[in-house]
Structure formats: C-alpha cells, structure tokens
Amino acid sequence: MNLDQIFDLINVHVVPIGIKLLGGLLFWIIGGWCIGLAIKLVKRSLERSGRVDDTVRSYIYSSLSVVLKIALVVGILGWFGVETTTFAALIAAAGVAIGMAWSGLLSNFAAGVFLVVLRPFRVGDFVTVGGVTGTIREIGLFVTTLDSLDNVLHIVGNNKVFSETIQNFTSNPYRRVDLVAQLDHSVDYNDAIERLRARLRAIPNVVAEPAPDVHILEFTPMGPVLCVRPYTHNDHYWDVFFATNAAIREEFGEAGYPAPEQHFHIRSKAA
C-alpha cells in the first residue's frame, strides 16, 4: 500500500470519523454551556419573583437540567447517525413505566407543589390534615410532618393532605372554646348566666370581641344546660379551656348552687 492509498484511506474513513467526533465534542461543550446559561436565567427569574419556595426552585433546576441534557444527548446521537426516533420511543416508554410505578409518589409530589405555592397552612400552624390534628413541623414535596397534641410525630402523604378537608385553627385571629354547665332545676338560670359572663371576661386571654356566649343550650332530667363559649386565640386555647372549667366550678360553688340531680315522681294506683 503506497502513500496515495494511505491518504485516500485516511480521507475516506478517518477524517469523517474525526470530524464527527470533533463535532460531537463541540456540541457537548456548547450545549452544556447553553444549558448552564438557561438554568441561570431561570434561577435568576424565579429568585427575582420571590413567589416560589426554595425547595420547589431546587427541584425545578434539577428537573430542567436533566431534561435539557437528555435532549442534548439525543441531538448528539443524531449527529453521529444514530436513529433517534427509536431512542426517543424507548425514553417515552421508560417514562410511562416509571410514572406508573411511581404514581403515588408523583401524586404526592404534585400535591406538595400546590401546598408550597398555595400555602393553606405554614410551619407552626395548628391544623387538622389527613385526619390528624397537630402542629405543622415541616412541609415537604412528598409528605407533611406534624406533631399531634400528645407529642407524636405524624407523617402524612401530601396527596392525602390536599385531597381532604384542611382545617387551620391558627389562621383566624380567634377561635371558640365550647363547654357546657349543668344546672339543677332549682337554680335561677338568669343569675347563673350573668355570673358566668362576668367571670369569663376576667379570664386571661379571653378576647373582648366577640363577647363570651352563655345561653341555655338544652334541658335534661336534671335541669337546664348552659353553653359556655369564650373566644381566644389558638395559642391560648387550652389555657382558656381549663380556666373556664375551673371558673364554672368555682362560680357555682360560691353561689351555693346545689349539685344537679335527676327528679322522678313515682305514682302508684290503689289496688
């Protein structure tokens, strides 16, 4: 084999391969630089808006990076002459399979994004979500964690949180404490109502507006039952709850009210 044949062989086989490799390398370098630039632009835009949570932003950045790199790899394979339609079909099929296998996680992820963006509650709020009542410790993209009243950590999937009714006890400036007071038939209920209203206003952390409610709720065989309903902020709910119970007992004791008793009348017919 002479030099002319060697040069022809190089020109026919080696040079095209070298050009392909060099072009693929340039594609990778330039494409990687463009991907980095695109992510920086998106990051700058989201940071300026200030409306997207830090956790959501990190997931957006990583997801965008993965998608753009896959598109870059597919483009480079097309440059080398690889049939990309089959490759794209395989990626789509894999994506469908992964999506079906991870449907639960993906639904939790989607619900987590909505929770972070819409903010029906925040960390530290006292809520009922997914059938659990407690204080929010963390709002994640897949699960929400909260501490119940008995200081037990509960981890609830975000899809369950978002698909059920959410009760937020902290968002409003006050909430109502619901208690009852049983009276005996012999007690003047108007006197009992006035005594309790005055006593409730003196309990610390009971709000002045709306004023505490004390009314006849129902009647039992022992006598009338009063509803006793002071209002307070959720932070002081249990303090007011227990103080109101004590106030009912102490006020009725000071007034000398008799203990409620059931009264029966027994009649007999003469033989």
C-alpha atoms as a PDB file:
ATOM      1  CA  MET A   1       0.000   0.000   0.000  1.00  0.00           C
ATOM      2  CA  ASN A   2       1.554   3.272  -1.160  1.00  0.00           C
ATOM      3  CA  LEU A   3       1.189   6.733   0.313  1.00  0.00           C
ATOM      4  CA  ASP A   4      -1.602   7.728  -2.055  1.00  0.00           C
ATOM      5  CA  GLN A   5      -3.687   4.791  -0.925  1.00  0.00           C
ATOM      6  CA  ILE A   6      -2.972   5.579   2.710  1.00  0.00           C
ATOM      7  CA  PHE A   7      -4.020   9.202   2.192  1.00  0.00           C
ATOM      8  CA  ASP A   8      -7.147   8.083   0.377  1.00  0.00           C
ATOM      9  CA  LEU A   9      -7.964   5.704   3.235  1.00  0.00           C
ATOM     10  CA  ILE A  10      -7.476   8.487   5.766  1.00  0.00           C
ATOM     11  CA  ASN A  11      -9.601  10.903   3.748  1.00  0.00           C
ATOM     12  CA  VAL A  12     -12.377   8.374   3.235  1.00  0.00           C
ATOM     13  CA  HIS A  13     -12.622   6.825   6.710  1.00  0.00           C
ATOM     14  CA  VAL A  14     -10.510   8.565   9.347  1.00  0.00           C
ATOM     15  CA  VAL A  15     -11.261  12.217   8.534  1.00  0.00           C
ATOM     16  CA  PRO A  16     -15.086  11.824   8.552  1.00  0.00           C
ATOM     17  CA  ILE A  17     -14.912   9.978  11.873  1.00  0.00           C
ATOM     18  CA  GLY A  18     -12.639  12.654  13.302  1.00  0.00           C
ATOM     19  CA  ILE A  19     -14.983  15.389  12.109  1.00  0.00           C
ATOM     20  CA  LYS A  20     -17.914  13.543  13.663  1.00  0.00           C
ATOM     21  CA  LEU A  21     -16.064  13.151  16.977  1.00  0.00           C
ATOM     22  CA  LEU A  22     -14.903  16.761  16.974  1.00  0.00           C
ATOM     23  CA  GLY A  23     -18.401  17.960  16.112  1.00  0.00           C
ATOM     24  CA  GLY A  24     -19.906  15.798  18.864  1.00  0.00           C
ATOM     25  CA  LEU A  25     -17.391  17.194  21.369  1.00  0.00           C
ATOM     26  CA  LEU A  26     -18.187  20.749  20.300  1.00  0.00           C
ATOM     27  CA  PHE A  27     -21.905  20.003  20.550  1.00  0.00           C
ATOM     28  CA  TRP A  28     -21.403  18.698  24.091  1.00  0.00           C
ATOM     29  CA  ILE A  29     -19.335  21.698  25.189  1.00  0.00           C
ATOM     30  CA  ILE A  30     -21.539  24.344  23.576  1.00  0.00           C
ATOM     31  CA  GLY A  31     -24.727  22.533  24.579  1.00  0.00           C
ATOM     32  CA  GLY A  32     -23.547  22.224  28.173  1.00  0.00           C
ATOM     33  CA  TRP A  33     -22.745  25.932  28.243  1.00  0.00           C
ATOM     34  CA  CYS A  34     -26.202  26.774  26.832  1.00  0.00           C
ATOM     35  CA  ILE A  35     -27.876  24.505  29.412  1.00  0.00           C
ATOM     36  CA  GLY A  36     -25.990  26.219  32.211  1.00  0.00           C
ATOM     37  CA  LEU A  37     -26.955  29.612  30.830  1.00  0.00           C
ATOM     38  CA  ALA A  38     -30.626  28.599  30.568  1.00  0.00           C
ATOM     39  CA  ILE A  39     -30.655  27.334  34.164  1.00  0.00           C
ATOM     40  CA  LYS A  40     -29.030  30.539  35.383  1.00  0.00           C
ATOM     41  CA  LEU A  41     -31.653  32.623  33.585  1.00  0.00           C
ATOM     42  CA  VAL A  42     -34.479  30.559  35.070  1.00  0.00           C
ATOM     43  CA  LYS A  43     -32.874  30.729  38.517  1.00  0.00           C
ATOM     44  CA  ARG A  44     -32.490  34.498  38.299  1.00  0.00           C
ATOM     45  CA  SER A  45     -36.095  34.902  37.163  1.00  0.00           C
ATOM     46  CA  LEU A  46     -37.500  32.755  39.987  1.00  0.00           C
ATOM     47  CA  GLU A  47     -35.341  34.439  42.612  1.00  0.00           C
ATOM     48  CA  ARG A  48     -36.486  37.868  41.467  1.00  0.00           C
ATOM     49  CA  SER A  49     -40.150  36.871  41.634  1.00  0.00           C
ATOM     50  CA  GLY A  50     -39.755  35.663  45.243  1.00  0.00           C
ATOM     51  CA  ARG A  51     -43.028  33.716  44.975  1.00  0.00           C
ATOM     52  CA  VAL A  52     -41.580  30.237  44.601  1.00  0.00           C
ATOM     53  CA  ASP A  53     -40.367  28.275  47.619  1.00  0.00           C
ATOM     54  CA  ASP A  54     -36.659  27.347  47.817  1.00  0.00           C
ATOM     55  CA  THR A  55     -37.492  23.632  47.758  1.00  0.00           C
ATOM     56  CA  VAL A  56     -39.582  23.991  44.618  1.00  0.00           C
ATOM     57  CA  ARG A  57     -36.867  26.034  42.929  1.00  0.00           C
ATOM     58  CA  SER A  58     -34.229  23.360  43.546  1.00  0.00           C
ATOM     59  CA  TYR A  59     -36.477  20.711  42.004  1.00  0.00           C
ATOM     60  CA  ILE A  60     -37.193  22.929  39.002  1.00  0.00           C
ATOM     61  CA  TYR A  61     -33.487  23.472  38.425  1.00  0.00           C
ATOM     62  CA  SER A  62     -32.592  19.782  38.666  1.00  0.00           C
ATOM     63  CA  SER A  63     -35.546  18.665  36.517  1.00  0.00           C
ATOM     64  CA  LEU A  64     -34.772  21.258  33.843  1.00  0.00           C
ATOM     65  CA  SER A  65     -31.108  20.232  33.827  1.00  0.00           C
ATOM     66  CA  VAL A  66     -31.954  16.541  33.355  1.00  0.00           C
ATOM     67  CA  VAL A  67     -34.442  17.212  30.543  1.00  0.00           C
ATOM     68  CA  LEU A  68     -32.063  19.511  28.648  1.00  0.00           C
ATOM     69  CA  LYS A  69     -29.151  17.083  28.986  1.00  0.00           C
ATOM     70  CA  ILE A  70     -31.271  14.224  27.665  1.00  0.00           C
ATOM     71  CA  ALA A  71     -32.241  16.405  24.689  1.00  0.00           C
ATOM     72  CA  LEU A  72     -28.561  17.229  24.139  1.00  0.00           C
ATOM     73  CA  VAL A  73     -27.559  13.557  24.192  1.00  0.00           C
ATOM     74  CA  VAL A  74     -30.323  12.709  21.711  1.00  0.00           C
ATOM     75  CA  GLY A  75     -29.126  15.512  19.421  1.00  0.00           C
ATOM     76  CA  ILE A  76     -25.510  14.298  19.585  1.00  0.00           C
ATOM     77  CA  LEU A  77     -26.605  10.739  18.774  1.00  0.00           C
ATOM     78  CA  GLY A  78     -28.486  12.116  15.772  1.00  0.00           C
ATOM     79  CA  TRP A  79     -25.295  13.904  14.685  1.00  0.00           C
ATOM     80  CA  PHE A  80     -23.493  10.561  14.755  1.00  0.00           C
ATOM     81  CA  GLY A  81     -26.200   8.998  12.600  1.00  0.00           C
ATOM     82  CA  VAL A  82     -27.982   7.026  15.293  1.00  0.00           C
ATOM     83  CA  GLU A  83     -31.724   6.666  14.683  1.00  0.00           C
ATOM     84  CA  THR A  84     -33.118   8.896  17.421  1.00  0.00           C
ATOM     85  CA  THR A  85     -36.788   8.078  16.866  1.00  0.00           C
ATOM     86  CA  THR A  86     -36.305   4.615  18.366  1.00  0.00           C
ATOM     87  CA  PHE A  87     -34.259   6.095  21.188  1.00  0.00           C
ATOM     88  CA  ALA A  88     -36.982   8.677  21.900  1.00  0.00           C
ATOM     89  CA  ALA A  89     -39.613   5.927  21.890  1.00  0.00           C
ATOM     90  CA  LEU A  90     -37.595   3.952  24.428  1.00  0.00           C
ATOM     91  CA  ILE A  91     -37.292   7.030  26.646  1.00  0.00           C
ATOM     92  CA  ALA A  92     -41.036   7.638  26.391  1.00  0.00           C
ATOM     93  CA  ALA A  93     -41.811   4.013  27.231  1.00  0.00           C
ATOM     94  CA  ALA A  94     -39.437   4.117  30.183  1.00  0.00           C
ATOM     95  CA  GLY A  95     -41.029   7.337  31.351  1.00  0.00           C
ATOM     96  CA  VAL A  96     -44.517   5.786  31.203  1.00  0.00           C
ATOM     97  CA  ALA A  97     -43.317   2.709  33.112  1.00  0.00           C
ATOM     98  CA  ILE A  98     -41.626   4.820  35.784  1.00  0.00           C
ATOM     99  CA  GLY A  99     -44.660   7.078  36.015  1.00  0.00           C
ATOM    100  CA  MET A 100     -46.988   4.109  36.561  1.00  0.00           C
ATOM    101  CA  ALA A 101     -44.652   2.588  39.165  1.00  0.00           C
ATOM    102  CA  TRP A 102     -44.265   5.912  40.966  1.00  0.00           C
ATOM    103  CA  SER A 103     -47.838   7.153  40.531  1.00  0.00           C
ATOM    104  CA  GLY A 104     -48.296   7.501  44.285  1.00  0.00           C
ATOM    105  CA  LEU A 105     -45.061   9.426  44.729  1.00  0.00           C
ATOM    106  CA  LEU A 106     -45.824  11.632  41.740  1.00  0.00           C
ATOM    107  CA  SER A 107     -49.283  12.464  43.091  1.00  0.00           C
ATOM    108  CA  ASN A 108     -47.705  13.346  46.441  1.00  0.00           C
ATOM    109  CA  PHE A 109     -45.116  15.469  44.609  1.00  0.00           C
ATOM    110  CA  ALA A 110     -47.794  17.339  42.639  1.00  0.00           C
ATOM    111  CA  ALA A 111     -49.831  17.930  45.802  1.00  0.00           C
ATOM    112  CA  GLY A 112     -46.672  19.090  47.604  1.00  0.00           C
ATOM    113  CA  VAL A 113     -46.024  21.692  44.930  1.00  0.00           C
ATOM    114  CA  PHE A 114     -49.559  23.035  45.332  1.00  0.00           C
ATOM    115  CA  LEU A 115     -49.189  23.109  49.127  1.00  0.00           C
ATOM    116  CA  VAL A 116     -45.957  25.075  48.873  1.00  0.00           C
ATOM    117  CA  VAL A 117     -47.356  27.508  46.296  1.00  0.00           C
ATOM    118  CA  LEU A 118     -50.904  27.999  47.637  1.00  0.00           C
ATOM    119  CA  ARG A 119     -49.917  27.932  51.337  1.00  0.00           C
ATOM    120  CA  PRO A 120     -53.162  26.754  53.013  1.00  0.00           C
ATOM    121  CA  PHE A 121     -51.022  26.441  56.148  1.00  0.00           C
ATOM    122  CA  ARG A 122     -47.481  27.211  57.280  1.00  0.00           C
ATOM    123  CA  VAL A 123     -44.922  25.690  59.592  1.00  0.00           C
ATOM    124  CA  GLY A 124     -46.089  26.221  63.172  1.00  0.00           C
ATOM    125  CA  ASP A 125     -49.812  26.342  62.335  1.00  0.00           C
ATOM    126  CA  PHE A 126     -52.202  24.159  64.333  1.00  0.00           C
ATOM    127  CA  VAL A 127     -54.256  22.199  61.808  1.00  0.00           C
ATOM    128  CA  THR A 128     -56.204  19.069  61.033  1.00  0.00           C
ATOM    129  CA  VAL A 129     -54.922  17.440  57.826  1.00  0.00           C
ATOM    130  CA  GLY A 130     -55.353  13.892  56.580  1.00  0.00           C
ATOM    131  CA  GLY A 131     -57.332  13.019  59.709  1.00  0.00           C
ATOM    132  CA  VAL A 132     -54.515  14.141  62.047  1.00  0.00           C
ATOM    133  CA  THR A 133     -54.678  17.178  64.340  1.00  0.00           C
ATOM    134  CA  GLY A 134     -51.437  18.813  65.383  1.00  0.00           C
ATOM    135  CA  THR A 135     -48.796  21.473  64.790  1.00  0.00           C
ATOM    136  CA  ILE A 136     -47.056  21.574  61.412  1.00  0.00           C
ATOM    137  CA  ARG A 137     -43.357  20.765  61.694  1.00  0.00           C
ATOM    138  CA  GLU A 138     -42.363  20.575  58.013  1.00  0.00           C
ATOM    139  CA  ILE A 139     -43.998  20.860  54.591  1.00  0.00           C
ATOM    140  CA  GLY A 140     -42.093  18.645  52.155  1.00  0.00           C
ATOM    141  CA  LEU A 141     -42.693  17.939  48.491  1.00  0.00           C
ATOM    142  CA  PHE A 142     -43.853  14.381  49.213  1.00  0.00           C
ATOM    143  CA  VAL A 143     -45.032  14.375  52.845  1.00  0.00           C
ATOM    144  CA  THR A 144     -46.151  16.789  55.551  1.00  0.00           C
ATOM    145  CA  THR A 145     -44.994  16.146  59.108  1.00  0.00           C
ATOM    146  CA  LEU A 146     -46.812  17.373  62.202  1.00  0.00           C
ATOM    147  CA  ASP A 147     -46.763  16.823  65.955  1.00  0.00           C
ATOM    148  CA  SER A 148     -50.077  15.784  67.488  1.00  0.00           C
ATOM    149  CA  LEU A 149     -51.329  17.005  70.861  1.00  0.00           C
ATOM    150  CA  ASP A 150     -49.749  14.005  72.617  1.00  0.00           C
ATOM    151  CA  ASN A 151     -46.382  14.931  71.031  1.00  0.00           C
ATOM    152  CA  VAL A 152     -46.352  12.083  68.498  1.00  0.00           C
ATOM    153  CA  LEU A 153     -44.805  12.730  65.083  1.00  0.00           C
ATOM    154  CA  HIS A 154     -47.177  12.025  62.189  1.00  0.00           C
ATOM    155  CA  ILE A 155     -46.065  11.805  58.551  1.00  0.00           C
ATOM    156  CA  VAL A 156     -48.923  12.288  56.077  1.00  0.00           C
ATOM    157  CA  GLY A 157     -48.664  11.980  52.289  1.00  0.00           C
ATOM    158  CA  ASN A 158     -49.291  15.308  50.581  1.00  0.00           C
ATOM    159  CA  ASN A 159     -51.896  13.797  48.259  1.00  0.00           C
ATOM    160  CA  LYS A 160     -53.979  12.774  51.293  1.00  0.00           C
ATOM    161  CA  VAL A 161     -53.477  16.233  52.799  1.00  0.00           C
ATOM    162  CA  PHE A 162     -54.546  18.072  49.648  1.00  0.00           C
ATOM    163  CA  SER A 163     -57.430  15.749  48.706  1.00  0.00           C
ATOM    164  CA  GLU A 164     -59.170  16.028  52.085  1.00  0.00           C
ATOM    165  CA  THR A 165     -60.563  18.941  54.080  1.00  0.00           C
ATOM    166  CA  ILE A 166     -57.891  21.130  55.706  1.00  0.00           C
ATOM    167  CA  GLN A 167     -58.737  22.817  58.998  1.00  0.00           C
ATOM    168  CA  ASN A 168     -56.397  25.617  60.004  1.00  0.00           C
ATOM    169  CA  PHE A 169     -57.056  26.728  63.582  1.00  0.00           C
ATOM    170  CA  THR A 170     -54.289  29.350  63.538  1.00  0.00           C
ATOM    171  CA  SER A 171     -55.195  31.438  60.507  1.00  0.00           C
ATOM    172  CA  ASN A 172     -58.108  33.297  62.150  1.00  0.00           C
ATOM    173  CA  PRO A 173     -57.497  35.794  64.984  1.00  0.00           C
ATOM    174  CA  TYR A 174     -59.576  33.796  67.470  1.00  0.00           C
ATOM    175  CA  ARG A 175     -61.470  30.517  67.936  1.00  0.00           C
ATOM    176  CA  ARG A 176     -64.303  29.438  70.191  1.00  0.00           C
ATOM    177  CA  VAL A 177     -63.999  27.262  73.293  1.00  0.00           C
ATOM    178  CA  ASP A 178     -67.072  25.021  73.623  1.00  0.00           C
ATOM    179  CA  LEU A 179     -68.058  23.923  77.139  1.00  0.00           C
ATOM    180  CA  VAL A 180     -71.318  23.232  78.956  1.00  0.00           C
ATOM    181  CA  ALA A 181     -72.556  23.778  82.508  1.00  0.00           C
ATOM    182  CA  GLN A 182     -75.303  21.656  84.019  1.00  0.00           C
ATOM    183  CA  LEU A 183     -77.735  23.403  86.379  1.00  0.00           C
ATOM    184  CA  ASP A 184     -80.205  21.983  88.836  1.00  0.00           C
ATOM    185  CA  HIS A 185     -83.921  22.678  88.348  1.00  0.00           C
ATOM    186  CA  SER A 186     -83.974  24.896  91.450  1.00  0.00           C
ATOM    187  CA  VAL A 187     -81.261  27.269  90.176  1.00  0.00           C
ATOM    188  CA  ASP A 188     -82.172  30.639  88.659  1.00  0.00           C
ATOM    189  CA  TYR A 189     -80.573  30.254  85.222  1.00  0.00           C
ATOM    190  CA  ASN A 190     -80.508  34.046  84.617  1.00  0.00           C
ATOM    191  CA  ASP A 191     -78.376  34.510  87.730  1.00  0.00           C
ATOM    192  CA  ALA A 192     -76.067  31.691  86.627  1.00  0.00           C
ATOM    193  CA  ILE A 193     -75.709  33.220  83.155  1.00  0.00           C
ATOM    194  CA  GLU A 194     -74.800  36.681  84.492  1.00  0.00           C
ATOM    195  CA  ARG A 195     -72.295  35.217  86.945  1.00  0.00           C
ATOM    196  CA  LEU A 196     -70.557  33.191  84.251  1.00  0.00           C
ATOM    197  CA  ARG A 197     -70.427  36.060  81.764  1.00  0.00           C
ATOM    198  CA  ALA A 198     -68.752  38.306  84.327  1.00  0.00           C
ATOM    199  CA  ARG A 199     -66.336  35.558  85.359  1.00  0.00           C
ATOM    200  CA  LEU A 200     -65.387  34.674  81.770  1.00  0.00           C
ATOM    201  CA  ARG A 201     -64.463  38.279  80.971  1.00  0.00           C
ATOM    202  CA  ALA A 202     -61.909  38.140  83.795  1.00  0.00           C
ATOM    203  CA  ILE A 203     -60.128  35.045  82.480  1.00  0.00           C
ATOM    204  CA  PRO A 204     -56.727  35.958  80.936  1.00  0.00           C
ATOM    205  CA  ASN A 205     -56.505  35.816  77.114  1.00  0.00           C
ATOM    206  CA  VAL A 206     -60.287  35.759  76.574  1.00  0.00           C
ATOM    207  CA  VAL A 207     -60.965  38.326  73.838  1.00  0.00           C
ATOM    208  CA  ALA A 208     -63.454  41.123  74.460  1.00  0.00           C
ATOM    209  CA  GLU A 209     -64.919  40.941  70.951  1.00  0.00           C
ATOM    210  CA  PRO A 210     -66.795  38.779  70.357  1.00  0.00           C
ATOM    211  CA  ALA A 211     -68.020  38.634  73.944  1.00  0.00           C
ATOM    212  CA  PRO A 212     -68.311  35.214  75.604  1.00  0.00           C
ATOM    213  CA  ASP A 213     -71.570  33.390  74.909  1.00  0.00           C
ATOM    214  CA  VAL A 214     -73.565  31.911  77.800  1.00  0.00           C
ATOM    215  CA  HIS A 215     -77.076  30.675  76.940  1.00  0.00           C
ATOM    216  CA  ILE A 216     -79.436  27.810  77.623  1.00  0.00           C
ATOM    217  CA  LEU A 217     -78.403  25.029  75.283  1.00  0.00           C
ATOM    218  CA  GLU A 218     -80.852  22.249  76.204  1.00  0.00           C
ATOM    219  CA  PHE A 219     -82.859  20.680  79.001  1.00  0.00           C
ATOM    220  CA  THR A 220     -82.151  17.375  80.733  1.00  0.00           C
ATOM    221  CA  PRO A 221     -83.904  15.475  83.561  1.00  0.00           C
ATOM    222  CA  MET A 222     -81.510  17.235  85.974  1.00  0.00           C
ATOM    223  CA  GLY A 223     -82.256  20.757  84.735  1.00  0.00           C
ATOM    224  CA  PRO A 224     -81.162  23.282  82.081  1.00  0.00           C
ATOM    225  CA  VAL A 225     -77.752  23.009  80.418  1.00  0.00           C
ATOM    226  CA  LEU A 226     -75.833  26.194  79.639  1.00  0.00           C
ATOM    227  CA  CYS A 227     -73.438  26.549  76.706  1.00  0.00           C
ATOM    228  CA  VAL A 228     -70.294  28.353  77.880  1.00  0.00           C
ATOM    229  CA  ARG A 229     -68.303  29.731  74.947  1.00  0.00           C
ATOM    230  CA  PRO A 230     -65.430  32.182  75.436  1.00  0.00           C
ATOM    231  CA  TYR A 231     -63.251  33.214  72.486  1.00  0.00           C
ATOM    232  CA  THR A 232     -59.482  33.242  72.402  1.00  0.00           C
ATOM    233  CA  HIS A 233     -56.507  32.918  70.071  1.00  0.00           C
ATOM    234  CA  ASN A 234     -55.441  29.380  69.302  1.00  0.00           C
ATOM    235  CA  ASP A 235     -52.149  29.867  71.183  1.00  0.00           C
ATOM    236  CA  HIS A 236     -54.138  30.213  74.425  1.00  0.00           C
ATOM    237  CA  TYR A 237     -56.925  27.763  73.638  1.00  0.00           C
ATOM    238  CA  TRP A 238     -56.111  25.117  76.236  1.00  0.00           C
ATOM    239  CA  ASP A 239     -55.301  27.671  78.947  1.00  0.00           C
ATOM    240  CA  VAL A 240     -58.726  29.230  78.460  1.00  0.00           C
ATOM    241  CA  PHE A 241     -60.372  25.795  78.169  1.00  0.00           C
ATOM    242  CA  PHE A 242     -59.132  24.628  81.562  1.00  0.00           C
ATOM    243  CA  ALA A 243     -59.577  28.048  83.204  1.00  0.00           C
ATOM    244  CA  THR A 244     -63.197  28.125  82.032  1.00  0.00           C
ATOM    245  CA  ASN A 245     -63.861  24.693  83.509  1.00  0.00           C
ATOM    246  CA  ALA A 246     -62.412  25.872  86.829  1.00  0.00           C
ATOM    247  CA  ALA A 247     -64.431  29.096  86.646  1.00  0.00           C
ATOM    248  CA  ILE A 248     -67.693  27.163  86.224  1.00  0.00           C
ATOM    249  CA  ARG A 249     -66.954  25.003  89.264  1.00  0.00           C
ATOM    250  CA  GLU A 250     -65.781  27.887  91.447  1.00  0.00           C
ATOM    251  CA  GLU A 251     -68.560  30.310  90.479  1.00  0.00           C
ATOM    252  CA  PHE A 252     -71.326  27.802  91.074  1.00  0.00           C
ATOM    253  CA  GLY A 253     -69.729  26.763  94.369  1.00  0.00           C
ATOM    254  CA  GLU A 254     -69.508  30.373  95.584  1.00  0.00           C
ATOM    255  CA  ALA A 255     -73.135  30.938  94.594  1.00  0.00           C
ATOM    256  CA  GLY A 256     -74.188  27.922  96.637  1.00  0.00           C
ATOM    257  CA  TYR A 257     -75.902  26.161  93.762  1.00  0.00           C
ATOM    258  CA  PRO A 258     -76.971  22.602  94.610  1.00  0.00           C
ATOM    259  CA  ALA A 259     -75.471  19.687  92.706  1.00  0.00           C
ATOM    260  CA  PRO A 260     -77.705  18.730  89.759  1.00  0.00           C
ATOM    261  CA  GLU A 261     -79.929  15.736  90.485  1.00  0.00           C
ATOM    262  CA  GLN A 262     -82.481  13.852  88.467  1.00  0.00           C
ATOM    263  CA  HIS A 263     -86.010  14.104  89.855  1.00  0.00           C
ATOM    264  CA  PHE A 264     -88.593  11.381  89.464  1.00  0.00           C
ATOM    265  CA  HIS A 265     -92.227  11.211  90.519  1.00  0.00           C
ATOM    266  CA  ILE A 266     -93.496   7.718  91.259  1.00  0.00           C
ATOM    267  CA  ARG A 267     -97.212   7.210  91.277  1.00  0.00           C
ATOM    268  CA  SER A 268     -98.989   4.041  92.232  1.00  0.00           C
ATOM    269  CA  LYS A 269    -102.559   3.080  91.657  1.00  0.00           C
ATOM    270  CA  ALA A 270    -104.597   1.785  94.544  1.00  0.00           C
ATOM    271  CA  ALA A 271    -105.411  -1.903  94.305  1.00  0.00           C
END
